[in-house]
Amino acid sequence: MHQLSVQTNARTELLDITSKVEEVVRRAGVDNALCTIFVPHTTAGVTINENADPDVTRDILAVVDSLIPFHDSRYRHGEGNSAAHVKSSLFGCSLNVIIEKGSLRLGTWQGIYFAEFDGPRSRKVWISFSPAV
């Protein structure tokens, strides 16, 4: 297993970690495998989406923040970060990406994003590989 350190800079943020994951794949010398990317936090997640136009991530966060506001009188969790937990559950904490010939098999416009919902914080991303069958 490999670990990435991620530093986020805002309460909610989509941080492109594609190049960091690619570097882990390169250093590990993986040729053909399934790459699992796992976020071990209850107020963060991981997703794949367009990485060509930064307006896409801004639009995603704007809609998510409007649907799940940070403050809501229905929240009961004592730490005051219920919205972050809801967002994390909706995004999910893991992804699988195919590695073929030493490269991530992502679509032309796809990137891997760490999704921060309770930042800024120092976070971890765990990466493991399963052999291709």
N, C-alpha and C. Protein backbone atom coordinates (compact mmCIF):
# COMPACT_ATOMS: atom_id res chain seq x y z
N MET A 1 0.84 -1.18 0.00
CA MET A 1 0.00 0.00 0.00
C MET A 1 0.88 1.24 0.00
N HIS A 2 0.40 2.26 -0.67
CA HIS A 2 1.11 3.53 -0.77
C HIS A 2 0.23 4.63 -0.18
N GLN A 3 0.87 5.67 0.33
CA GLN A 3 0.11 6.77 0.94
C GLN A 3 0.53 8.10 0.33
N LEU A 4 -0.49 8.90 -0.01
CA LEU A 4 -0.26 10.28 -0.43
C LEU A 4 -0.67 11.20 0.70
N SER A 5 0.03 12.30 0.85
CA SER A 5 -0.39 13.36 1.76
C SER A 5 -1.01 14.46 0.92
N VAL A 6 -2.16 14.95 1.37
CA VAL A 6 -2.87 16.00 0.65
C VAL A 6 -3.15 17.12 1.63
N GLN A 7 -2.81 18.34 1.25
CA GLN A 7 -3.13 19.52 2.06
C GLN A 7 -4.21 20.30 1.34
N THR A 8 -5.36 20.46 2.00
CA THR A 8 -6.44 21.23 1.39
C THR A 8 -6.41 22.65 1.94
N ASN A 9 -7.04 23.56 1.20
CA ASN A 9 -6.93 24.98 1.53
C ASN A 9 -8.26 25.67 1.79
N ALA A 10 -9.37 24.94 1.70
CA ALA A 10 -10.69 25.55 1.88
C ALA A 10 -11.63 24.56 2.54
N ARG A 11 -12.77 25.05 3.02
CA ARG A 11 -13.76 24.18 3.64
C ARG A 11 -14.20 23.10 2.66
N THR A 12 -14.58 23.52 1.45
CA THR A 12 -14.93 22.56 0.41
C THR A 12 -14.02 22.81 -0.79
N GLU A 13 -13.50 21.73 -1.34
CA GLU A 13 -12.53 21.86 -2.42
C GLU A 13 -12.44 20.54 -3.18
N LEU A 14 -12.30 20.63 -4.49
CA LEU A 14 -11.96 19.46 -5.30
C LEU A 14 -10.54 19.67 -5.78
N LEU A 15 -9.64 18.84 -5.30
CA LEU A 15 -8.21 18.98 -5.58
C LEU A 15 -7.77 17.87 -6.53
N ASP A 16 -7.27 18.25 -7.69
CA ASP A 16 -6.84 17.28 -8.70
C ASP A 16 -5.57 16.57 -8.21
N ILE A 17 -5.70 15.26 -7.98
CA ILE A 17 -4.56 14.47 -7.50
C ILE A 17 -4.09 13.47 -8.57
N THR A 18 -4.54 13.65 -9.81
CA THR A 18 -4.21 12.71 -10.87
C THR A 18 -2.70 12.51 -11.00
N SER A 19 -1.96 13.60 -11.07
CA SER A 19 -0.50 13.48 -11.26
C SER A 19 0.17 12.79 -10.08
N LYS A 20 -0.35 13.01 -8.87
CA LYS A 20 0.21 12.33 -7.70
C LYS A 20 -0.04 10.82 -7.76
N VAL A 21 -1.23 10.44 -8.19
CA VAL A 21 -1.54 9.00 -8.33
C VAL A 21 -0.68 8.40 -9.44
N GLU A 22 -0.53 9.11 -10.55
CA GLU A 22 0.32 8.64 -11.65
C GLU A 22 1.76 8.43 -11.18
N GLU A 23 2.24 9.32 -10.33
CA GLU A 23 3.61 9.18 -9.81
C GLU A 23 3.74 7.94 -8.94
N VAL A 24 2.73 7.64 -8.13
CA VAL A 24 2.75 6.42 -7.31
C VAL A 24 2.78 5.19 -8.22
N VAL A 25 1.98 5.20 -9.27
CA VAL A 25 1.96 4.08 -10.22
C VAL A 25 3.35 3.91 -10.85
N ARG A 26 3.93 5.01 -11.27
CA ARG A 26 5.26 4.96 -11.91
C ARG A 26 6.31 4.42 -10.95
N ARG A 27 6.34 4.96 -9.74
CA ARG A 27 7.33 4.53 -8.74
C ARG A 27 7.16 3.06 -8.36
N ALA A 28 5.90 2.60 -8.33
CA ALA A 28 5.63 1.21 -7.95
C ALA A 28 5.97 0.24 -9.08
N GLY A 29 6.17 0.75 -10.29
CA GLY A 29 6.51 -0.11 -11.41
C GLY A 29 5.38 -1.03 -11.83
N VAL A 30 4.16 -0.58 -11.61
CA VAL A 30 3.00 -1.38 -11.95
C VAL A 30 2.77 -1.33 -13.45
N ASP A 31 2.53 -2.49 -14.07
CA ASP A 31 2.32 -2.56 -15.51
C ASP A 31 0.83 -2.67 -15.85
N ASN A 32 0.20 -3.74 -15.44
CA ASN A 32 -1.23 -3.96 -15.67
C ASN A 32 -1.85 -4.37 -14.34
N ALA A 33 -2.84 -3.58 -13.88
CA ALA A 33 -3.43 -3.85 -12.57
C ALA A 33 -4.70 -3.04 -12.41
N LEU A 34 -5.35 -3.23 -11.28
CA LEU A 34 -6.46 -2.39 -10.86
C LEU A 34 -5.94 -1.56 -9.71
N CYS A 35 -6.08 -0.26 -9.83
CA CYS A 35 -5.62 0.68 -8.81
C CYS A 35 -6.81 1.10 -7.96
N THR A 36 -6.71 0.87 -6.65
CA THR A 36 -7.74 1.32 -5.72
C THR A 36 -7.22 2.56 -5.00
N ILE A 37 -8.03 3.60 -5.02
CA ILE A 37 -7.71 4.87 -4.36
C ILE A 37 -8.72 5.03 -3.24
N PHE A 38 -8.25 5.09 -2.01
CA PHE A 38 -9.12 5.09 -0.84
C PHE A 38 -8.80 6.28 0.06
N VAL A 39 -9.86 6.96 0.51
CA VAL A 39 -9.72 8.11 1.41
C VAL A 39 -10.21 7.68 2.79
N PRO A 40 -9.32 7.64 3.81
CA PRO A 40 -9.70 7.16 5.13
C PRO A 40 -10.24 8.26 6.06
N HIS A 41 -11.14 9.07 5.53
CA HIS A 41 -11.70 10.18 6.31
C HIS A 41 -13.23 10.20 6.13
N THR A 42 -13.95 10.57 7.17
CA THR A 42 -15.42 10.59 7.11
C THR A 42 -15.99 11.91 6.61
N THR A 43 -15.13 12.89 6.36
CA THR A 43 -15.61 14.18 5.85
C THR A 43 -14.89 14.57 4.56
N ALA A 44 -14.43 13.56 3.84
CA ALA A 44 -13.76 13.78 2.56
C ALA A 44 -14.11 12.60 1.66
N GLY A 45 -13.77 12.72 0.39
CA GLY A 45 -14.06 11.65 -0.55
C GLY A 45 -13.15 11.72 -1.75
N VAL A 46 -13.51 10.98 -2.77
CA VAL A 46 -12.73 10.94 -4.00
C VAL A 46 -13.70 10.74 -5.17
N THR A 47 -13.39 11.37 -6.30
CA THR A 47 -14.26 11.26 -7.46
C THR A 47 -13.44 11.46 -8.74
N ILE A 48 -14.03 11.06 -9.86
CA ILE A 48 -13.43 11.30 -11.18
C ILE A 48 -14.35 12.24 -11.93
N ASN A 49 -13.77 13.27 -12.53
CA ASN A 49 -14.55 14.18 -13.35
C ASN A 49 -13.61 14.94 -14.28
N GLU A 50 -14.17 15.87 -15.03
CA GLU A 50 -13.39 16.62 -16.01
C GLU A 50 -12.30 17.44 -15.34
N ASN A 51 -11.10 17.39 -15.95
CA ASN A 51 -10.00 18.18 -15.40
C ASN A 51 -9.46 19.19 -16.42
N ALA A 52 -10.21 19.47 -17.50
CA ALA A 52 -9.76 20.43 -18.51
C ALA A 52 -10.23 21.85 -18.19
N ASP A 53 -11.42 21.99 -17.65
CA ASP A 53 -12.01 23.31 -17.39
C ASP A 53 -12.29 23.44 -15.90
N PRO A 54 -11.60 24.34 -15.20
CA PRO A 54 -11.80 24.48 -13.75
C PRO A 54 -13.22 24.92 -13.37
N ASP A 55 -13.98 25.44 -14.33
CA ASP A 55 -15.37 25.80 -14.02
C ASP A 55 -16.20 24.57 -13.67
N VAL A 56 -15.82 23.40 -14.16
CA VAL A 56 -16.58 22.19 -13.84
C VAL A 56 -16.52 21.91 -12.34
N THR A 57 -15.34 21.96 -11.75
CA THR A 57 -15.24 21.69 -10.31
C THR A 57 -15.93 22.79 -9.51
N ARG A 58 -15.83 24.04 -9.95
CA ARG A 58 -16.54 25.12 -9.27
C ARG A 58 -18.05 24.89 -9.32
N ASP A 59 -18.55 24.48 -10.49
CA ASP A 59 -19.98 24.22 -10.65
C ASP A 59 -20.43 23.06 -9.75
N ILE A 60 -19.64 21.99 -9.71
CA ILE A 60 -19.98 20.85 -8.86
C ILE A 60 -20.09 21.29 -7.41
N LEU A 61 -19.08 22.00 -6.92
CA LEU A 61 -19.10 22.44 -5.52
C LEU A 61 -20.24 23.41 -5.25
N ALA A 62 -20.55 24.29 -6.19
CA ALA A 62 -21.65 25.23 -6.00
C ALA A 62 -22.98 24.50 -5.84
N VAL A 63 -23.21 23.50 -6.68
CA VAL A 63 -24.46 22.74 -6.59
C VAL A 63 -24.50 21.91 -5.31
N VAL A 64 -23.40 21.23 -5.00
CA VAL A 64 -23.37 20.41 -3.79
C VAL A 64 -23.57 21.27 -2.55
N ASP A 65 -22.93 22.44 -2.51
CA ASP A 65 -23.08 23.32 -1.35
C ASP A 65 -24.50 23.88 -1.25
N SER A 66 -25.16 24.10 -2.39
CA SER A 66 -26.54 24.61 -2.33
C SER A 66 -27.51 23.51 -1.92
N LEU A 67 -27.26 22.27 -2.33
CA LEU A 67 -28.13 21.16 -1.95
C LEU A 67 -27.92 20.72 -0.50
N ILE A 68 -26.67 20.82 -0.05
CA ILE A 68 -26.31 20.39 1.31
C ILE A 68 -25.58 21.55 1.98
N PRO A 69 -26.33 22.52 2.52
CA PRO A 69 -25.70 23.70 3.13
C PRO A 69 -24.92 23.33 4.39
N PHE A 70 -23.91 24.14 4.68
CA PHE A 70 -23.10 23.87 5.87
C PHE A 70 -23.93 23.96 7.14
N HIS A 71 -24.82 24.94 7.22
CA HIS A 71 -25.68 25.10 8.40
C HIS A 71 -27.11 24.73 8.03
N ASP A 72 -27.73 23.90 8.87
CA ASP A 72 -29.12 23.50 8.66
C ASP A 72 -29.69 23.13 10.03
N SER A 73 -30.84 23.64 10.35
CA SER A 73 -31.42 23.40 11.68
C SER A 73 -31.75 21.92 11.94
N ARG A 74 -31.78 21.10 10.89
CA ARG A 74 -32.07 19.68 11.07
C ARG A 74 -30.86 18.87 11.53
N TYR A 75 -29.66 19.41 11.38
CA TYR A 75 -28.46 18.68 11.77
C TYR A 75 -28.40 18.51 13.28
N ARG A 76 -27.99 17.33 13.72
CA ARG A 76 -27.89 17.03 15.15
C ARG A 76 -26.46 16.72 15.62
N HIS A 77 -25.57 16.40 14.71
CA HIS A 77 -24.20 16.02 15.06
C HIS A 77 -23.52 17.16 15.82
N GLY A 78 -22.98 16.85 16.97
CA GLY A 78 -22.43 17.85 17.88
C GLY A 78 -21.22 18.61 17.39
N GLU A 79 -20.46 18.05 16.46
CA GLU A 79 -19.25 18.73 15.99
C GLU A 79 -19.53 19.84 14.99
N GLY A 80 -20.77 19.92 14.50
CA GLY A 80 -21.12 21.00 13.59
C GLY A 80 -20.67 20.79 12.15
N ASN A 81 -20.31 19.58 11.79
CA ASN A 81 -19.86 19.33 10.41
C ASN A 81 -20.70 18.25 9.73
N SER A 82 -21.98 18.22 10.05
CA SER A 82 -22.87 17.21 9.47
C SER A 82 -22.89 17.27 7.95
N ALA A 83 -22.89 18.47 7.39
CA ALA A 83 -22.91 18.61 5.93
C ALA A 83 -21.72 17.89 5.30
N ALA A 84 -20.57 17.98 5.94
CA ALA A 84 -19.37 17.32 5.41
C ALA A 84 -19.53 15.81 5.40
N HIS A 85 -20.16 15.26 6.42
CA HIS A 85 -20.40 13.81 6.46
C HIS A 85 -21.36 13.37 5.36
N VAL A 86 -22.41 14.16 5.14
CA VAL A 86 -23.38 13.83 4.09
C VAL A 86 -22.71 13.87 2.72
N LYS A 87 -21.95 14.92 2.46
CA LYS A 87 -21.27 15.07 1.17
C LYS A 87 -20.28 13.93 0.94
N SER A 88 -19.54 13.57 1.97
CA SER A 88 -18.58 12.48 1.87
C SER A 88 -19.28 11.17 1.51
N SER A 89 -20.42 10.91 2.14
CA SER A 89 -21.16 9.68 1.84
C SER A 89 -21.66 9.66 0.40
N LEU A 90 -22.09 10.81 -0.10
CA LEU A 90 -22.58 10.87 -1.47
C LEU A 90 -21.47 10.70 -2.50
N PHE A 91 -20.31 11.27 -2.24
CA PHE A 91 -19.19 11.15 -3.17
C PHE A 91 -18.55 9.77 -3.09
N GLY A 92 -18.43 9.24 -1.90
CA GLY A 92 -17.79 7.95 -1.69
C GLY A 92 -16.33 8.10 -1.30
N CYS A 93 -15.80 7.02 -0.72
CA CYS A 93 -14.44 7.08 -0.18
C CYS A 93 -13.43 6.30 -1.02
N SER A 94 -13.86 5.69 -2.13
CA SER A 94 -12.89 4.93 -2.93
C SER A 94 -13.27 4.91 -4.40
N LEU A 95 -12.24 4.66 -5.22
CA LEU A 95 -12.36 4.52 -6.67
C LEU A 95 -11.48 3.37 -7.11
N ASN A 96 -11.83 2.78 -8.23
CA ASN A 96 -10.95 1.83 -8.91
C ASN A 96 -10.65 2.37 -10.29
N VAL A 97 -9.38 2.35 -10.66
CA VAL A 97 -8.95 2.80 -11.99
C VAL A 97 -8.06 1.71 -12.58
N ILE A 98 -8.30 1.39 -13.84
CA ILE A 98 -7.50 0.38 -14.54
C ILE A 98 -6.13 0.98 -14.87
N ILE A 99 -5.10 0.17 -14.67
CA ILE A 99 -3.75 0.52 -15.12
C ILE A 99 -3.40 -0.43 -16.25
N GLU A 100 -3.02 0.14 -17.37
CA GLU A 100 -2.63 -0.66 -18.53
C GLU A 100 -1.31 -0.12 -19.07
N LYS A 101 -0.35 -1.03 -19.22
CA LYS A 101 0.99 -0.66 -19.71
C LYS A 101 1.57 0.50 -18.90
N GLY A 102 1.38 0.44 -17.59
CA GLY A 102 1.98 1.41 -16.68
C GLY A 102 1.28 2.75 -16.58
N SER A 103 0.11 2.90 -17.21
CA SER A 103 -0.60 4.18 -17.21
C SER A 103 -2.04 4.02 -16.73
N LEU A 104 -2.52 5.04 -16.04
CA LEU A 104 -3.93 5.06 -15.65
C LEU A 104 -4.78 5.14 -16.90
N ARG A 105 -5.82 4.32 -16.97
CA ARG A 105 -6.73 4.33 -18.11
C ARG A 105 -7.91 5.25 -17.80
N LEU A 106 -7.67 6.55 -17.91
CA LEU A 106 -8.71 7.55 -17.71
C LEU A 106 -9.13 8.08 -19.08
N GLY A 107 -10.36 8.58 -19.16
CA GLY A 107 -10.82 9.20 -20.39
C GLY A 107 -10.06 10.48 -20.67
N THR A 108 -10.17 10.96 -21.88
CA THR A 108 -9.41 12.14 -22.34
C THR A 108 -9.50 13.31 -21.38
N TRP A 109 -10.68 13.59 -20.87
CA TRP A 109 -10.86 14.78 -20.03
C TRP A 109 -10.97 14.45 -18.55
N GLN A 110 -10.73 13.20 -18.16
CA GLN A 110 -10.93 12.80 -16.77
C GLN A 110 -9.71 13.03 -15.90
N GLY A 111 -9.99 13.40 -14.65
CA GLY A 111 -8.98 13.52 -13.62
C GLY A 111 -9.52 12.95 -12.32
N ILE A 112 -8.62 12.61 -11.42
CA ILE A 112 -8.99 12.07 -10.10
C ILE A 112 -8.94 13.23 -9.11
N TYR A 113 -10.01 13.41 -8.38
CA TYR A 113 -10.13 14.52 -7.44
C TYR A 113 -10.31 14.06 -6.01
N PHE A 114 -9.50 14.64 -5.12
CA PHE A 114 -9.74 14.52 -3.69
C PHE A 114 -10.82 15.54 -3.36
N ALA A 115 -11.87 15.10 -2.69
CA ALA A 115 -13.00 15.97 -2.37
C ALA A 115 -12.98 16.31 -0.87
N GLU A 116 -12.65 17.55 -0.58
CA GLU A 116 -12.60 18.04 0.80
C GLU A 116 -13.93 18.69 1.15
N PHE A 117 -14.48 18.33 2.32
CA PHE A 117 -15.74 18.91 2.76
C PHE A 117 -15.69 19.49 4.16
N ASP A 118 -14.51 19.44 4.81
CA ASP A 118 -14.40 19.93 6.18
C ASP A 118 -12.99 20.49 6.42
N GLY A 119 -12.53 21.25 5.46
CA GLY A 119 -11.16 21.75 5.53
C GLY A 119 -11.08 23.17 6.04
N PRO A 120 -9.88 23.71 5.91
CA PRO A 120 -8.68 23.08 5.37
C PRO A 120 -8.06 22.09 6.37
N ARG A 121 -7.45 21.06 5.82
CA ARG A 121 -6.86 20.00 6.64
C ARG A 121 -5.69 19.33 5.92
N SER A 122 -4.92 18.59 6.69
CA SER A 122 -3.94 17.66 6.14
C SER A 122 -4.63 16.31 6.06
N ARG A 123 -4.60 15.69 4.88
CA ARG A 123 -5.35 14.45 4.66
C ARG A 123 -4.44 13.38 4.08
N LYS A 124 -4.97 12.15 4.05
CA LYS A 124 -4.26 11.01 3.49
C LYS A 124 -5.09 10.39 2.38
N VAL A 125 -4.41 9.81 1.42
CA VAL A 125 -5.03 9.00 0.39
C VAL A 125 -4.21 7.73 0.31
N TRP A 126 -4.88 6.58 0.40
CA TRP A 126 -4.20 5.30 0.31
C TRP A 126 -4.42 4.71 -1.08
N ILE A 127 -3.36 4.13 -1.63
CA ILE A 127 -3.41 3.56 -2.98
C ILE A 127 -2.86 2.14 -2.92
N SER A 128 -3.62 1.23 -3.51
CA SER A 128 -3.14 -0.16 -3.59
C SER A 128 -3.41 -0.69 -5.00
N PHE A 129 -2.76 -1.80 -5.31
CA PHE A 129 -2.86 -2.39 -6.64
C PHE A 129 -3.25 -3.86 -6.52
N SER A 130 -4.16 -4.28 -7.39
CA SER A 130 -4.54 -5.68 -7.50
C SER A 130 -4.12 -6.15 -8.87
N PRO A 131 -3.57 -7.34 -8.98
CA PRO A 131 -3.13 -7.84 -10.28
C PRO A 131 -4.28 -7.92 -11.28
N ALA A 132 -3.98 -7.61 -12.54
CA ALA A 132 -4.98 -7.77 -13.61
C ALA A 132 -5.12 -9.26 -13.88
N VAL A 133 -6.33 -9.68 -14.09
CA VAL A 133 -6.59 -11.12 -14.35
C VAL A 133 -6.89 -11.32 -15.81
